[in-house]
Amino acid sequence: MTSVSTSPSQAAPVDVPEPAEIRRWATEQGILILAHSYQDGFIQECAHFVGDSLELARYAAEEDAEAICFAGVHFMAETAKLLNPSARVFVPDMEAGCSLASSCKGADLATYQQHLEQKLGKRPVTVAYINCTAEVKALCDIICTSGNAREVVDSIPQDQPILFVPDMHLGGWLNEVTGREMILWNGACQVHELFSVDTLRALQAEHPGCITISHPECPKAVRDASDHVLGTAGMLRMVKQQEGQTFLVGTEGNMIYRLEREAPQNTYIPAPGASCACNLCPFMALNTPEKLWACLQERGPEVTVPAELFEPARASLQRMLAL
């Protein structure tokens, strides 16, 4: 047992084992721990695998796991269940949701798809960012992540209209880089939308020669002020290729922990929000070391996907993975 966390911002409670012990115990119990890069550093250290949405989706699909503990948000656990149907999937906190997923309800999407079909005379291809519920995935043709979104959009014929849900900022960036005119759903990530271009430019002035990398979920003004717009996997690839560089990082603040861990030769500064504070996802933060440890021992709360949604939602994910 320890009270020392691997993350300086949050100490592990005294009744929670150290990360290596948690991981060892889970292995003995046949439980695979997956953690998103936006989780606290302590939880990242507990995981068998840490990644972004695409990496985690691939890992869940490839692993023959009896049980999966997913330290992330609810839609990610649903995705793991869809891609590994025989596994039991549970999460530290069932209330760990997502503002993007909440912005697009299945019933609303179905109504809008019907409206567009009548208006355009043909049904648009619906591309969904993976940050959505299983209900929405079941209504879509193909899923994408920030890491493969451009590849997914480029795979669709130019004469085919596209409805992109639910992130208008990611969709707007895709329109810019692909030359498409996709119809965009009016949704946004509450974390990335809070980044301030004014405070970002002030920070850039304080660190001449720095490289600014931002996530495509950021608003256009922030993207335009950045040197590179990259998903989290792309960020990792870039920083691993640099030595002694300073990066301003425009994504969820816990990503800094993973960057420092995997490419410690550089300096990383979190891009500021409107309040000049590091932006942290309040939903990701619901997963704590205490809840993770309790979840592993209790094998719950368990995430399931309704039977009527399972196959169509799984098919849209498998089309993405096939690319």
C-alpha atoms as a PDB file:
ATOM      1  CA  MET A   1       0.000   0.000   0.000  1.00  0.00           C
ATOM      2  CA  THR A   2       1.160   3.536  -0.685  1.00  0.00           C
ATOM      3  CA  SER A   3       0.165   7.156  -0.425  1.00  0.00           C
ATOM      4  CA  VAL A   4       2.596   8.245  -3.130  1.00  0.00           C
ATOM      5  CA  SER A   5       1.217   8.776  -6.636  1.00  0.00           C
ATOM      6  CA  THR A   6       3.122   8.721  -9.913  1.00  0.00           C
ATOM      7  CA  SER A   7       1.265  11.922 -10.777  1.00  0.00           C
ATOM      8  CA  PRO A   8       2.353  14.984  -8.803  1.00  0.00           C
ATOM      9  CA  SER A   9      -1.142  16.457  -8.922  1.00  0.00           C
ATOM     10  CA  GLN A  10      -2.971  13.650  -7.159  1.00  0.00           C
ATOM     11  CA  ALA A  11      -1.751  11.367  -4.380  1.00  0.00           C
ATOM     12  CA  ALA A  12      -3.017   7.821  -4.230  1.00  0.00           C
ATOM     13  CA  PRO A  13      -5.040   7.094  -1.084  1.00  0.00           C
ATOM     14  CA  VAL A  14      -3.375   4.948   1.561  1.00  0.00           C
ATOM     15  CA  ASP A  15      -5.678   1.966   1.054  1.00  0.00           C
ATOM     16  CA  VAL A  16      -4.909   1.597  -2.653  1.00  0.00           C
ATOM     17  CA  PRO A  17      -1.931  -0.553  -3.721  1.00  0.00           C
ATOM     18  CA  GLU A  18       0.831   0.826  -5.885  1.00  0.00           C
ATOM     19  CA  PRO A  19       0.175   0.756  -9.662  1.00  0.00           C
ATOM     20  CA  ALA A  20       2.476  -2.212 -10.315  1.00  0.00           C
ATOM     21  CA  GLU A  21       0.698  -4.228  -7.629  1.00  0.00           C
ATOM     22  CA  ILE A  22      -2.724  -3.322  -9.031  1.00  0.00           C
ATOM     23  CA  ARG A  23      -1.626  -4.376 -12.509  1.00  0.00           C
ATOM     24  CA  ARG A  24      -0.134  -7.642 -11.195  1.00  0.00           C
ATOM     25  CA  TRP A  25      -3.299  -8.448  -9.235  1.00  0.00           C
ATOM     26  CA  ALA A  26      -5.494  -7.733 -12.270  1.00  0.00           C
ATOM     27  CA  THR A  27      -3.315  -9.976 -14.434  1.00  0.00           C
ATOM     28  CA  GLU A  28      -3.689 -12.837 -11.956  1.00  0.00           C
ATOM     29  CA  GLN A  29      -7.452 -12.333 -12.003  1.00  0.00           C
ATOM     30  CA  GLY A  30      -7.628 -12.356 -15.804  1.00  0.00           C
ATOM     31  CA  ILE A  31      -8.586  -8.687 -16.046  1.00  0.00           C
ATOM     32  CA  LEU A  32      -7.122  -6.472 -18.759  1.00  0.00           C
ATOM     33  CA  ILE A  33      -6.826  -2.817 -17.673  1.00  0.00           C
ATOM     34  CA  LEU A  34      -7.105  -0.293 -20.507  1.00  0.00           C
ATOM     35  CA  ALA A  35      -6.606   3.419 -19.851  1.00  0.00           C
ATOM     36  CA  HIS A  36      -7.008   6.466 -22.041  1.00  0.00           C
ATOM     37  CA  SER A  37      -4.201   9.020 -22.288  1.00  0.00           C
ATOM     38  CA  TYR A  38      -6.475  11.562 -20.580  1.00  0.00           C
ATOM     39  CA  GLN A  39      -6.493   9.597 -17.340  1.00  0.00           C
ATOM     40  CA  ASP A  40      -4.512  10.665 -14.286  1.00  0.00           C
ATOM     41  CA  GLY A  41      -0.904   9.457 -14.239  1.00  0.00           C
ATOM     42  CA  PHE A  42      -1.521   6.992 -11.389  1.00  0.00           C
ATOM     43  CA  ILE A  43      -4.235   5.261 -13.407  1.00  0.00           C
ATOM     44  CA  GLN A  44      -2.081   5.232 -16.553  1.00  0.00           C
ATOM     45  CA  GLU A  45       0.603   3.421 -14.548  1.00  0.00           C
ATOM     46  CA  CYS A  46      -1.931   0.784 -13.455  1.00  0.00           C
ATOM     47  CA  ALA A  47      -2.935  -0.085 -17.018  1.00  0.00           C
ATOM     48  CA  HIS A  48      -1.686  -2.932 -19.152  1.00  0.00           C
ATOM     49  CA  PHE A  49      -2.120  -0.612 -22.142  1.00  0.00           C
ATOM     50  CA  VAL A  50      -2.523   3.158 -22.494  1.00  0.00           C
ATOM     51  CA  GLY A  51      -3.629   4.735 -25.749  1.00  0.00           C
ATOM     52  CA  ASP A  52      -5.928   7.007 -27.678  1.00  0.00           C
ATOM     53  CA  SER A  53      -9.349   5.954 -28.931  1.00  0.00           C
ATOM     54  CA  LEU A  54      -8.022   4.237 -32.066  1.00  0.00           C
ATOM     55  CA  GLU A  55      -5.202   2.436 -30.255  1.00  0.00           C
ATOM     56  CA  LEU A  56      -7.570   1.265 -27.542  1.00  0.00           C
ATOM     57  CA  ALA A  57     -10.164   0.124 -30.082  1.00  0.00           C
ATOM     58  CA  ARG A  58      -7.572  -1.941 -31.937  1.00  0.00           C
ATOM     59  CA  TYR A  59      -6.182  -3.374 -28.718  1.00  0.00           C
ATOM     60  CA  ALA A  60      -9.650  -4.355 -27.471  1.00  0.00           C
ATOM     61  CA  ALA A  61     -10.413  -6.035 -30.807  1.00  0.00           C
ATOM     62  CA  GLU A  62      -7.171  -8.001 -30.886  1.00  0.00           C
ATOM     63  CA  GLU A  63      -6.971  -9.167 -27.277  1.00  0.00           C
ATOM     64  CA  ASP A  64      -8.717 -12.349 -26.201  1.00  0.00           C
ATOM     65  CA  ALA A  65      -9.662 -10.950 -22.804  1.00  0.00           C
ATOM     66  CA  GLU A  66     -12.068 -12.574 -20.389  1.00  0.00           C
ATOM     67  CA  ALA A  67     -12.659  -9.266 -18.607  1.00  0.00           C
ATOM     68  CA  ILE A  68     -11.752  -5.650 -19.387  1.00  0.00           C
ATOM     69  CA  CYS A  69     -11.592  -2.800 -16.910  1.00  0.00           C
ATOM     70  CA  PHE A  70     -11.768   0.368 -18.981  1.00  0.00           C
ATOM     71  CA  ALA A  71     -10.418   3.508 -17.314  1.00  0.00           C
ATOM     72  CA  GLY A  72     -11.887   6.124 -19.582  1.00  0.00           C
ATOM     73  CA  VAL A  73     -15.386   7.334 -20.349  1.00  0.00           C
ATOM     74  CA  HIS A  74     -18.548   5.366 -21.013  1.00  0.00           C
ATOM     75  CA  PHE A  75     -18.545   5.365 -24.825  1.00  0.00           C
ATOM     76  CA  MET A  76     -15.017   3.914 -24.790  1.00  0.00           C
ATOM     77  CA  ALA A  77     -16.134   1.005 -22.634  1.00  0.00           C
ATOM     78  CA  GLU A  78     -19.067   0.430 -25.007  1.00  0.00           C
ATOM     79  CA  THR A  79     -16.590   0.333 -27.886  1.00  0.00           C
ATOM     80  CA  ALA A  80     -14.469  -2.249 -26.091  1.00  0.00           C
ATOM     81  CA  LYS A  81     -17.581  -4.379 -25.541  1.00  0.00           C
ATOM     82  CA  LEU A  82     -18.614  -4.082 -29.189  1.00  0.00           C
ATOM     83  CA  LEU A  83     -15.180  -5.183 -30.372  1.00  0.00           C
ATOM     84  CA  ASN A  84     -14.743  -7.943 -27.798  1.00  0.00           C
ATOM     85  CA  PRO A  85     -18.291  -9.298 -27.307  1.00  0.00           C
ATOM     86  CA  SER A  86     -17.343 -12.267 -25.125  1.00  0.00           C
ATOM     87  CA  ALA A  87     -15.542 -10.137 -22.537  1.00  0.00           C
ATOM     88  CA  ARG A  88     -17.147  -8.610 -19.490  1.00  0.00           C
ATOM     89  CA  VAL A  89     -16.417  -4.869 -19.546  1.00  0.00           C
ATOM     90  CA  PHE A  90     -16.597  -2.671 -16.489  1.00  0.00           C
ATOM     91  CA  VAL A  91     -15.692   0.908 -15.586  1.00  0.00           C
ATOM     92  CA  PRO A  92     -14.616   2.670 -12.385  1.00  0.00           C
ATOM     93  CA  ASP A  93     -17.493   5.184 -12.626  1.00  0.00           C
ATOM     94  CA  MET A  94     -20.612   4.745 -14.758  1.00  0.00           C
ATOM     95  CA  GLU A  95     -21.172   8.527 -14.677  1.00  0.00           C
ATOM     96  CA  ALA A  96     -17.963   9.177 -16.627  1.00  0.00           C
ATOM     97  CA  GLY A  97     -19.628  10.440 -19.777  1.00  0.00           C
ATOM     98  CA  CYS A  98     -18.626  12.806 -22.583  1.00  0.00           C
ATOM     99  CA  SER A  99     -19.939  16.192 -23.670  1.00  0.00           C
ATOM    100  CA  LEU A 100     -19.552  15.207 -27.324  1.00  0.00           C
ATOM    101  CA  ALA A 101     -21.461  11.965 -26.876  1.00  0.00           C
ATOM    102  CA  SER A 102     -24.211  13.827 -25.003  1.00  0.00           C
ATOM    103  CA  SER A 103     -24.524  16.390 -27.807  1.00  0.00           C
ATOM    104  CA  CYS A 104     -25.800  13.810 -30.296  1.00  0.00           C
ATOM    105  CA  LYS A 105     -28.816  11.695 -29.351  1.00  0.00           C
ATOM    106  CA  GLY A 106     -29.838   8.749 -31.477  1.00  0.00           C
ATOM    107  CA  ALA A 107     -33.408   9.935 -32.017  1.00  0.00           C
ATOM    108  CA  ASP A 108     -32.243  13.405 -33.061  1.00  0.00           C
ATOM    109  CA  LEU A 109     -29.703  11.967 -35.480  1.00  0.00           C
ATOM    110  CA  ALA A 110     -32.260   9.638 -37.077  1.00  0.00           C
ATOM    111  CA  THR A 111     -34.644  12.565 -37.611  1.00  0.00           C
ATOM    112  CA  TYR A 112     -31.908  14.708 -39.159  1.00  0.00           C
ATOM    113  CA  GLN A 113     -30.778  11.880 -41.446  1.00  0.00           C
ATOM    114  CA  GLN A 114     -34.343  11.579 -42.766  1.00  0.00           C
ATOM    115  CA  HIS A 115     -34.503  15.351 -43.270  1.00  0.00           C
ATOM    116  CA  LEU A 116     -31.240  15.374 -45.238  1.00  0.00           C
ATOM    117  CA  GLU A 117     -32.315  12.439 -47.386  1.00  0.00           C
ATOM    118  CA  GLN A 118     -35.475  14.293 -48.385  1.00  0.00           C
ATOM    119  CA  LYS A 119     -33.583  17.537 -48.954  1.00  0.00           C
ATOM    120  CA  LEU A 120     -30.687  16.062 -50.939  1.00  0.00           C
ATOM    121  CA  GLY A 121     -32.584  13.308 -52.736  1.00  0.00           C
ATOM    122  CA  LYS A 122     -30.113  10.731 -51.429  1.00  0.00           C
ATOM    123  CA  ARG A 123     -29.005   9.519 -48.033  1.00  0.00           C
ATOM    124  CA  PRO A 124     -25.696  11.055 -46.992  1.00  0.00           C
ATOM    125  CA  VAL A 125     -22.958   8.819 -45.673  1.00  0.00           C
ATOM    126  CA  THR A 126     -22.892   9.359 -41.934  1.00  0.00           C
ATOM    127  CA  VAL A 127     -19.383   9.432 -40.458  1.00  0.00           C
ATOM    128  CA  ALA A 128     -19.228   9.480 -36.686  1.00  0.00           C
ATOM    129  CA  TYR A 129     -16.300  10.459 -34.534  1.00  0.00           C
ATOM    130  CA  ILE A 130     -15.801   7.620 -32.066  1.00  0.00           C
ATOM    131  CA  ASN A 131     -16.818   9.965 -29.218  1.00  0.00           C
ATOM    132  CA  CYS A 132     -20.467   8.933 -29.465  1.00  0.00           C
ATOM    133  CA  THR A 133     -22.813   6.374 -27.947  1.00  0.00           C
ATOM    134  CA  ALA A 134     -23.490   2.879 -29.263  1.00  0.00           C
ATOM    135  CA  GLU A 135     -26.959   4.121 -30.236  1.00  0.00           C
ATOM    136  CA  VAL A 136     -25.392   6.713 -32.550  1.00  0.00           C
ATOM    137  CA  LYS A 137     -22.767   4.287 -33.872  1.00  0.00           C
ATOM    138  CA  ALA A 138     -25.608   1.953 -34.880  1.00  0.00           C
ATOM    139  CA  LEU A 139     -27.066   4.719 -37.083  1.00  0.00           C
ATOM    140  CA  CYS A 140     -23.789   5.541 -38.801  1.00  0.00           C
ATOM    141  CA  ASP A 141     -21.991   4.062 -41.782  1.00  0.00           C
ATOM    142  CA  ILE A 142     -18.452   4.292 -40.483  1.00  0.00           C
ATOM    143  CA  ILE A 143     -16.614   5.493 -37.373  1.00  0.00           C
ATOM    144  CA  CYS A 144     -13.396   7.488 -37.220  1.00  0.00           C
ATOM    145  CA  THR A 145     -10.983   8.760 -34.591  1.00  0.00           C
ATOM    146  CA  SER A 146      -8.864  11.895 -34.659  1.00  0.00           C
ATOM    147  CA  GLY A 147      -5.972   9.709 -35.779  1.00  0.00           C
ATOM    148  CA  ASN A 148      -7.641   8.236 -38.869  1.00  0.00           C
ATOM    149  CA  ALA A 149     -10.449  10.724 -39.633  1.00  0.00           C
ATOM    150  CA  ARG A 150      -8.834  12.063 -42.784  1.00  0.00           C
ATOM    151  CA  GLU A 151      -8.250   8.555 -44.123  1.00  0.00           C
ATOM    152  CA  VAL A 152     -11.890   7.653 -43.448  1.00  0.00           C
ATOM    153  CA  VAL A 153     -13.234  10.761 -45.192  1.00  0.00           C
ATOM    154  CA  ASP A 154     -10.879  10.301 -48.161  1.00  0.00           C
ATOM    155  CA  SER A 155     -12.214   6.755 -48.603  1.00  0.00           C
ATOM    156  CA  ILE A 156     -15.686   8.087 -49.451  1.00  0.00           C
ATOM    157  CA  PRO A 157     -16.360   9.049 -53.118  1.00  0.00           C
ATOM    158  CA  GLN A 158     -16.213  12.797 -53.790  1.00  0.00           C
ATOM    159  CA  ASP A 159     -19.746  12.892 -55.186  1.00  0.00           C
ATOM    160  CA  GLN A 160     -21.217  11.349 -52.046  1.00  0.00           C
ATOM    161  CA  PRO A 161     -22.584  13.829 -49.473  1.00  0.00           C
ATOM    162  CA  ILE A 162     -21.343  13.278 -45.933  1.00  0.00           C
ATOM    163  CA  LEU A 163     -22.902  14.056 -42.576  1.00  0.00           C
ATOM    164  CA  PHE A 164     -20.194  14.278 -39.922  1.00  0.00           C
ATOM    165  CA  VAL A 165     -21.177  13.875 -36.259  1.00  0.00           C
ATOM    166  CA  PRO A 166     -20.844  14.966 -33.512  1.00  0.00           C
ATOM    167  CA  ASP A 167     -17.754  17.250 -33.397  1.00  0.00           C
ATOM    168  CA  MET A 168     -18.079  20.409 -35.482  1.00  0.00           C
ATOM    169  CA  HIS A 169     -14.449  21.421 -34.852  1.00  0.00           C
ATOM    170  CA  LEU A 170     -12.962  18.114 -35.995  1.00  0.00           C
ATOM    171  CA  GLY A 171     -15.393  18.175 -38.913  1.00  0.00           C
ATOM    172  CA  GLY A 172     -14.417  21.741 -39.791  1.00  0.00           C
ATOM    173  CA  TRP A 173     -10.728  20.819 -39.779  1.00  0.00           C
ATOM    174  CA  LEU A 174     -11.466  17.833 -42.024  1.00  0.00           C
ATOM    175  CA  ASN A 175     -13.309  20.075 -44.464  1.00  0.00           C
ATOM    176  CA  GLU A 176     -10.233  22.307 -44.576  1.00  0.00           C
ATOM    177  CA  VAL A 177      -7.663  19.561 -45.184  1.00  0.00           C
ATOM    178  CA  THR A 178      -9.752  17.394 -47.534  1.00  0.00           C
ATOM    179  CA  GLY A 179     -11.567  20.107 -49.500  1.00  0.00           C
ATOM    180  CA  ARG A 180     -14.913  18.464 -48.711  1.00  0.00           C
ATOM    181  CA  GLU A 181     -18.078  20.282 -47.699  1.00  0.00           C
ATOM    182  CA  MET A 182     -19.391  17.841 -45.151  1.00  0.00           C
ATOM    183  CA  ILE A 183     -22.529  18.704 -43.238  1.00  0.00           C
ATOM    184  CA  LEU A 184     -21.506  19.157 -39.613  1.00  0.00           C
ATOM    185  CA  TRP A 185     -23.384  18.317 -36.430  1.00  0.00           C
ATOM    186  CA  ASN A 186     -23.365  21.118 -33.849  1.00  0.00           C
ATOM    187  CA  GLY A 187     -21.381  19.404 -31.085  1.00  0.00           C
ATOM    188  CA  ALA A 188     -18.094  20.157 -29.353  1.00  0.00           C
ATOM    189  CA  CYS A 189     -15.806  18.859 -26.619  1.00  0.00           C
ATOM    190  CA  GLN A 190     -16.158  21.099 -23.586  1.00  0.00           C
ATOM    191  CA  VAL A 191     -12.475  20.648 -22.733  1.00  0.00           C
ATOM    192  CA  HIS A 192     -10.989  21.544 -26.118  1.00  0.00           C
ATOM    193  CA  GLU A 193     -13.468  24.348 -26.719  1.00  0.00           C
ATOM    194  CA  LEU A 194     -12.129  26.187 -23.646  1.00  0.00           C
ATOM    195  CA  PHE A 195      -8.665  26.750 -25.097  1.00  0.00           C
ATOM    196  CA  SER A 196      -8.000  30.467 -25.521  1.00  0.00           C
ATOM    197  CA  VAL A 197      -6.132  31.691 -28.599  1.00  0.00           C
ATOM    198  CA  ASP A 198      -5.179  34.954 -26.841  1.00  0.00           C
ATOM    199  CA  THR A 199      -3.528  33.237 -23.901  1.00  0.00           C
ATOM    200  CA  LEU A 200      -1.976  30.718 -26.288  1.00  0.00           C
ATOM    201  CA  ARG A 201      -0.327  33.499 -28.290  1.00  0.00           C
ATOM    202  CA  ALA A 202       0.922  35.111 -25.076  1.00  0.00           C
ATOM    203  CA  LEU A 203       2.485  31.811 -24.034  1.00  0.00           C
ATOM    204  CA  GLN A 204       4.067  31.420 -27.471  1.00  0.00           C
ATOM    205  CA  ALA A 205       5.662  34.845 -27.033  1.00  0.00           C
ATOM    206  CA  GLU A 206       7.106  33.720 -23.694  1.00  0.00           C
ATOM    207  CA  HIS A 207       8.687  30.676 -25.338  1.00  0.00           C
ATOM    208  CA  PRO A 208      10.164  31.717 -28.683  1.00  0.00           C
ATOM    209  CA  GLY A 209      11.060  28.762 -30.856  1.00  0.00           C
ATOM    210  CA  CYS A 210       8.531  26.450 -29.234  1.00  0.00           C
ATOM    211  CA  ILE A 211       6.351  24.128 -31.304  1.00  0.00           C
ATOM    212  CA  THR A 212       2.606  24.360 -30.747  1.00  0.00           C
ATOM    213  CA  ILE A 213       0.641  21.166 -31.283  1.00  0.00           C
ATOM    214  CA  SER A 214      -3.127  21.129 -30.906  1.00  0.00           C
ATOM    215  CA  HIS A 215      -5.865  18.546 -31.193  1.00  0.00           C
ATOM    216  CA  PRO A 216      -8.354  18.872 -34.092  1.00  0.00           C
ATOM    217  CA  GLU A 217     -11.166  19.081 -31.531  1.00  0.00           C
ATOM    218  CA  CYS A 218      -9.906  22.612 -30.768  1.00  0.00           C
ATOM    219  CA  PRO A 219     -11.720  25.602 -32.311  1.00  0.00           C
ATOM    220  CA  LYS A 220     -10.404  26.962 -35.612  1.00  0.00           C
ATOM    221  CA  ALA A 221      -8.701  29.997 -34.063  1.00  0.00           C
ATOM    222  CA  VAL A 222      -6.591  27.725 -31.853  1.00  0.00           C
ATOM    223  CA  ARG A 223      -5.829  25.347 -34.715  1.00  0.00           C
ATOM    224  CA  ASP A 224      -4.773  28.251 -36.918  1.00  0.00           C
ATOM    225  CA  ALA A 225      -2.406  29.485 -34.191  1.00  0.00           C
ATOM    226  CA  SER A 226      -0.755  26.054 -33.969  1.00  0.00           C
ATOM    227  CA  ASP A 227       2.198  24.663 -35.891  1.00  0.00           C
ATOM    228  CA  HIS A 228       0.661  21.207 -36.156  1.00  0.00           C
ATOM    229  CA  VAL A 229      -2.864  19.829 -35.702  1.00  0.00           C
ATOM    230  CA  LEU A 230      -2.606  16.225 -34.542  1.00  0.00           C
ATOM    231  CA  GLY A 231      -4.496  13.514 -32.714  1.00  0.00           C
ATOM    232  CA  THR A 232      -2.841  12.224 -29.555  1.00  0.00           C
ATOM    233  CA  ALA A 233      -1.073   9.386 -31.374  1.00  0.00           C
ATOM    234  CA  GLY A 234       0.268  11.885 -33.891  1.00  0.00           C
ATOM    235  CA  MET A 235       1.496  14.066 -31.037  1.00  0.00           C
ATOM    236  CA  LEU A 236       3.394  11.143 -29.578  1.00  0.00           C
ATOM    237  CA  ARG A 237       4.996  10.299 -32.893  1.00  0.00           C
ATOM    238  CA  MET A 238       6.144  13.874 -33.374  1.00  0.00           C
ATOM    239  CA  VAL A 239       7.661  14.429 -29.923  1.00  0.00           C
ATOM    240  CA  LYS A 240       9.516  11.114 -30.046  1.00  0.00           C
ATOM    241  CA  GLN A 241      11.324  12.378 -33.143  1.00  0.00           C
ATOM    242  CA  GLN A 242      12.500  15.588 -31.431  1.00  0.00           C
ATOM    243  CA  GLU A 243      15.285  16.235 -28.949  1.00  0.00           C
ATOM    244  CA  GLY A 244      15.483  19.142 -26.498  1.00  0.00           C
ATOM    245  CA  GLN A 245      12.419  20.864 -27.950  1.00  0.00           C
ATOM    246  CA  THR A 246       9.718  22.804 -26.094  1.00  0.00           C
ATOM    247  CA  PHE A 247       6.145  21.928 -27.013  1.00  0.00           C
ATOM    248  CA  LEU A 248       2.969  23.840 -26.193  1.00  0.00           C
ATOM    249  CA  VAL A 249       0.296  21.170 -26.068  1.00  0.00           C
ATOM    250  CA  GLY A 250      -3.345  21.939 -26.846  1.00  0.00           C
ATOM    251  CA  THR A 251      -5.237  18.939 -25.585  1.00  0.00           C
ATOM    252  CA  GLU A 252      -6.490  17.491 -22.292  1.00  0.00           C
ATOM    253  CA  GLY A 253      -3.900  18.175 -19.586  1.00  0.00           C
ATOM    254  CA  ASN A 254      -3.218  14.566 -18.560  1.00  0.00           C
ATOM    255  CA  MET A 255      -1.725  13.959 -21.997  1.00  0.00           C
ATOM    256  CA  ILE A 256       1.357  15.789 -20.691  1.00  0.00           C
ATOM    257  CA  TYR A 257       2.025  12.869 -18.349  1.00  0.00           C
ATOM    258  CA  ARG A 258       2.183  10.404 -21.236  1.00  0.00           C
ATOM    259  CA  LEU A 259       4.351  12.719 -23.336  1.00  0.00           C
ATOM    260  CA  GLU A 260       6.811  13.175 -20.485  1.00  0.00           C
ATOM    261  CA  ARG A 261       6.866   9.459 -19.813  1.00  0.00           C
ATOM    262  CA  GLU A 262       7.451   8.349 -23.409  1.00  0.00           C
ATOM    263  CA  ALA A 263       9.580  11.258 -24.681  1.00  0.00           C
ATOM    264  CA  PRO A 264      11.263  12.813 -21.616  1.00  0.00           C
ATOM    265  CA  GLN A 265      13.943  14.496 -23.716  1.00  0.00           C
ATOM    266  CA  ASN A 266      11.617  17.434 -24.422  1.00  0.00           C
ATOM    267  CA  THR A 267       9.775  20.064 -22.368  1.00  0.00           C
ATOM    268  CA  TYR A 268       5.969  20.166 -22.441  1.00  0.00           C
ATOM    269  CA  ILE A 269       3.778  23.103 -21.488  1.00  0.00           C
ATOM    270  CA  PRO A 270      -0.009  22.703 -21.416  1.00  0.00           C
ATOM    271  CA  ALA A 271      -1.810  25.252 -23.560  1.00  0.00           C
ATOM    272  CA  PRO A 272      -3.935  27.521 -21.378  1.00  0.00           C
ATOM    273  CA  GLY A 273      -7.686  27.669 -21.192  1.00  0.00           C
ATOM    274  CA  ALA A 274      -9.665  30.873 -20.899  1.00  0.00           C
ATOM    275  CA  SER A 275      -8.906  30.893 -17.162  1.00  0.00           C
ATOM    276  CA  CYS A 276      -5.169  30.357 -17.831  1.00  0.00           C
ATOM    277  CA  ALA A 277      -5.516  26.924 -16.226  1.00  0.00           C
ATOM    278  CA  CYS A 278      -4.645  23.518 -17.622  1.00  0.00           C
ATOM    279  CA  ASN A 279      -7.755  21.978 -19.185  1.00  0.00           C
ATOM    280  CA  LEU A 280      -8.806  18.716 -17.551  1.00  0.00           C
ATOM    281  CA  CYS A 281     -11.825  16.627 -18.498  1.00  0.00           C
ATOM    282  CA  PRO A 282     -14.229  16.491 -15.538  1.00  0.00           C
ATOM    283  CA  PHE A 283     -15.627  13.167 -16.775  1.00  0.00           C
ATOM    284  CA  MET A 284     -12.220  11.500 -17.008  1.00  0.00           C
ATOM    285  CA  ALA A 285     -11.491  12.809 -13.524  1.00  0.00           C
ATOM    286  CA  LEU A 286     -14.406  10.800 -12.109  1.00  0.00           C
ATOM    287  CA  ASN A 287     -12.173   7.736 -12.406  1.00  0.00           C
ATOM    288  CA  THR A 288     -10.012   7.758  -9.283  1.00  0.00           C
ATOM    289  CA  PRO A 289      -7.496   5.229  -7.893  1.00  0.00           C
ATOM    290  CA  GLU A 290     -10.025   4.242  -5.215  1.00  0.00           C
ATOM    291  CA  LYS A 291     -12.765   3.610  -7.781  1.00  0.00           C
ATOM    292  CA  LEU A 292     -10.401   1.719 -10.060  1.00  0.00           C
ATOM    293  CA  TRP A 293      -9.345  -0.615  -7.249  1.00  0.00           C
ATOM    294  CA  ALA A 294     -12.955  -1.171  -6.147  1.00  0.00           C
ATOM    295  CA  CYS A 295     -14.033  -1.768  -9.763  1.00  0.00           C
ATOM    296  CA  LEU A 296     -11.398  -4.466 -10.219  1.00  0.00           C
ATOM    297  CA  GLN A 297     -12.383  -6.255  -7.029  1.00  0.00           C
ATOM    298  CA  GLU A 298     -16.138  -6.046  -7.646  1.00  0.00           C
ATOM    299  CA  ARG A 299     -16.007  -6.459 -11.441  1.00  0.00           C
ATOM    300  CA  GLY A 300     -18.437  -3.646 -11.817  1.00  0.00           C
ATOM    301  CA  PRO A 301     -20.231  -1.504 -12.657  1.00  0.00           C
ATOM    302  CA  GLU A 302     -20.546  -3.467 -15.878  1.00  0.00           C
ATOM    303  CA  VAL A 303     -21.153  -1.870 -19.282  1.00  0.00           C
ATOM    304  CA  THR A 304     -23.478  -3.608 -21.736  1.00  0.00           C
ATOM    305  CA  VAL A 305     -24.861  -2.739 -25.175  1.00  0.00           C
ATOM    306  CA  PRO A 306     -28.535  -3.426 -26.020  1.00  0.00           C
ATOM    307  CA  ALA A 307     -28.925  -6.400 -28.349  1.00  0.00           C
ATOM    308  CA  GLU A 308     -30.744  -4.416 -31.047  1.00  0.00           C
ATOM    309  CA  LEU A 309     -27.828  -1.955 -31.312  1.00  0.00           C
ATOM    310  CA  PHE A 310     -24.981  -4.412 -31.080  1.00  0.00           C
ATOM    311  CA  GLU A 311     -24.488  -5.628 -34.654  1.00  0.00           C
ATOM    312  CA  PRO A 312     -25.048  -2.315 -36.509  1.00  0.00           C
ATOM    313  CA  ALA A 313     -22.820  -0.443 -34.054  1.00  0.00           C
ATOM    314  CA  ARG A 314     -20.150  -3.142 -34.286  1.00  0.00           C
ATOM    315  CA  ALA A 315     -20.323  -3.057 -38.104  1.00  0.00           C
ATOM    316  CA  SER A 316     -19.615   0.683 -38.251  1.00  0.00           C
ATOM    317  CA  LEU A 317     -16.548   0.168 -36.055  1.00  0.00           C
ATOM    318  CA  GLN A 318     -15.321  -2.785 -38.100  1.00  0.00           C
ATOM    319  CA  ARG A 319     -15.530  -0.713 -41.309  1.00  0.00           C
ATOM    320  CA  MET A 320     -13.154   1.752 -39.667  1.00  0.00           C
ATOM    321  CA  LEU A 321     -10.741  -0.944 -38.546  1.00  0.00           C
ATOM    322  CA  ALA A 322     -10.802  -2.484 -42.031  1.00  0.00           C
ATOM    323  CA  LEU A 323      -9.186   0.687 -43.389  1.00  0.00           C
END
